[in-house]
Amino acid sequence: MIERRLRETGVRLRRLRAELAIVDEQLSHLVDEAEDKALRSLVSETSGAGMEYREARLHADAMRQHRVHVQSSITELETKQDELLDKLSRS
């Protein structure tokens, strides 16, 4: 029973770590894009450029929040995995 839960937890951890790598890559791109649009909005001084910047910043912020969620899930699963390993070593 414990071994099965450990395997399942390991699979979920691998998936979440892979997702985190993708999220990090996307976040980097979105932050770069938001910074580029911020500069453009300062240079062009048009409301359209300002709106594009706000939209890009919101996308980057949403990805940051998603990253926090994924990282939190990983931390929880690592704790669960440690607990399962402790139970396994005691039995």
Protein backbone atom coordinates (compact mmCIF):
# COMPACT_ATOMS: atom_id res chain seq x y z
CA MET A 1 0.00 0.00 0.00
CA ILE A 2 2.73 2.47 0.97
CA GLU A 3 4.86 1.49 -2.02
CA ARG A 4 1.96 2.14 -4.39
CA ARG A 5 1.33 5.57 -2.85
CA LEU A 6 5.04 6.34 -3.12
CA ARG A 7 5.05 5.43 -6.82
CA GLU A 8 1.97 7.56 -7.46
CA THR A 9 3.49 10.47 -5.58
CA GLY A 10 6.72 10.09 -7.56
CA VAL A 11 4.82 10.15 -10.85
CA ARG A 12 2.90 13.25 -9.81
CA LEU A 13 6.13 14.96 -8.70
CA ARG A 14 7.82 14.26 -12.03
CA ARG A 15 4.82 15.69 -13.90
CA LEU A 16 4.70 18.79 -11.75
CA ARG A 17 8.44 19.37 -12.07
CA ALA A 18 8.15 19.10 -15.85
CA GLU A 19 5.22 21.52 -15.75
CA LEU A 20 7.26 23.90 -13.59
CA ALA A 21 10.06 23.91 -16.16
CA ILE A 22 7.57 24.82 -18.87
CA VAL A 23 5.97 27.50 -16.69
CA ASP A 24 9.40 29.01 -15.97
CA GLU A 25 10.15 29.19 -19.68
CA GLN A 26 6.77 30.75 -20.46
CA LEU A 27 7.08 33.18 -17.56
CA SER A 28 10.46 34.34 -18.79
CA HIS A 29 9.00 35.00 -22.22
CA LEU A 30 5.95 36.82 -20.81
CA VAL A 31 8.07 39.01 -18.52
CA ASP A 32 10.35 39.92 -21.43
CA GLU A 33 7.31 40.75 -23.55
CA ALA A 34 5.79 42.88 -20.79
CA GLU A 35 9.05 44.78 -20.33
CA ASP A 36 9.28 45.37 -24.08
CA LYS A 37 5.71 46.66 -24.19
CA ALA A 38 6.34 48.87 -21.16
CA LEU A 39 9.22 50.50 -23.00
CA ARG A 40 7.12 50.87 -26.13
CA SER A 41 4.30 52.48 -24.17
CA LEU A 42 6.73 55.02 -22.71
CA VAL A 43 8.19 55.84 -26.12
CA SER A 44 4.95 55.96 -28.10
CA GLU A 45 2.80 57.62 -25.42
CA THR A 46 -0.39 56.23 -27.00
CA SER A 47 -3.26 54.70 -25.10
CA GLY A 48 -3.09 51.59 -27.30
CA ALA A 49 0.51 50.91 -26.32
CA GLY A 50 -0.37 51.43 -22.67
CA MET A 51 -3.21 48.96 -22.97
CA GLU A 52 -0.94 46.40 -24.64
CA TYR A 53 1.50 46.78 -21.75
CA ARG A 54 -1.20 46.31 -19.11
CA GLU A 55 -2.45 43.23 -20.92
CA ALA A 56 1.06 41.76 -21.17
CA ARG A 57 1.70 42.52 -17.49
CA LEU A 58 -1.56 40.78 -16.51
CA HIS A 59 -0.52 37.69 -18.48
CA ALA A 60 2.87 37.66 -16.75
CA ASP A 61 1.21 38.12 -13.34
CA ALA A 62 -1.19 35.25 -14.02
CA MET A 63 1.73 33.02 -14.98
CA ARG A 64 3.56 34.03 -11.79
CA GLN A 65 0.53 32.99 -9.76
CA HIS A 66 0.35 29.70 -11.63
CA ARG A 67 4.04 29.12 -10.92
CA VAL A 68 3.44 29.70 -7.20
CA HIS A 69 0.60 27.19 -7.30
CA VAL A 70 2.69 24.55 -9.08
CA GLN A 71 5.64 25.12 -6.72
CA SER A 72 3.30 24.83 -3.72
CA SER A 73 1.93 21.55 -5.07
CA ILE A 74 5.47 20.23 -5.47
CA THR A 75 6.34 21.20 -1.90
CA GLU A 76 3.22 19.47 -0.57
CA LEU A 77 3.97 16.31 -2.52
CA GLU A 78 7.58 16.28 -1.36
CA THR A 79 6.35 16.47 2.23
CA LYS A 80 3.89 13.66 1.57
CA GLN A 81 6.66 11.60 -0.04
CA ASP A 82 8.90 12.14 3.01
CA GLU A 83 6.09 11.03 5.30
CA LEU A 84 5.50 7.91 3.22
CA LEU A 85 9.21 7.09 3.24
CA ASP A 86 9.24 7.46 7.03
CA LYS A 87 6.27 5.08 7.30
CA LEU A 88 7.95 2.62 4.97
CA SER A 89 11.20 2.64 6.95
CA ARG A 90 9.29 2.05 10.22
CA SER A 91 7.38 -0.94 8.89
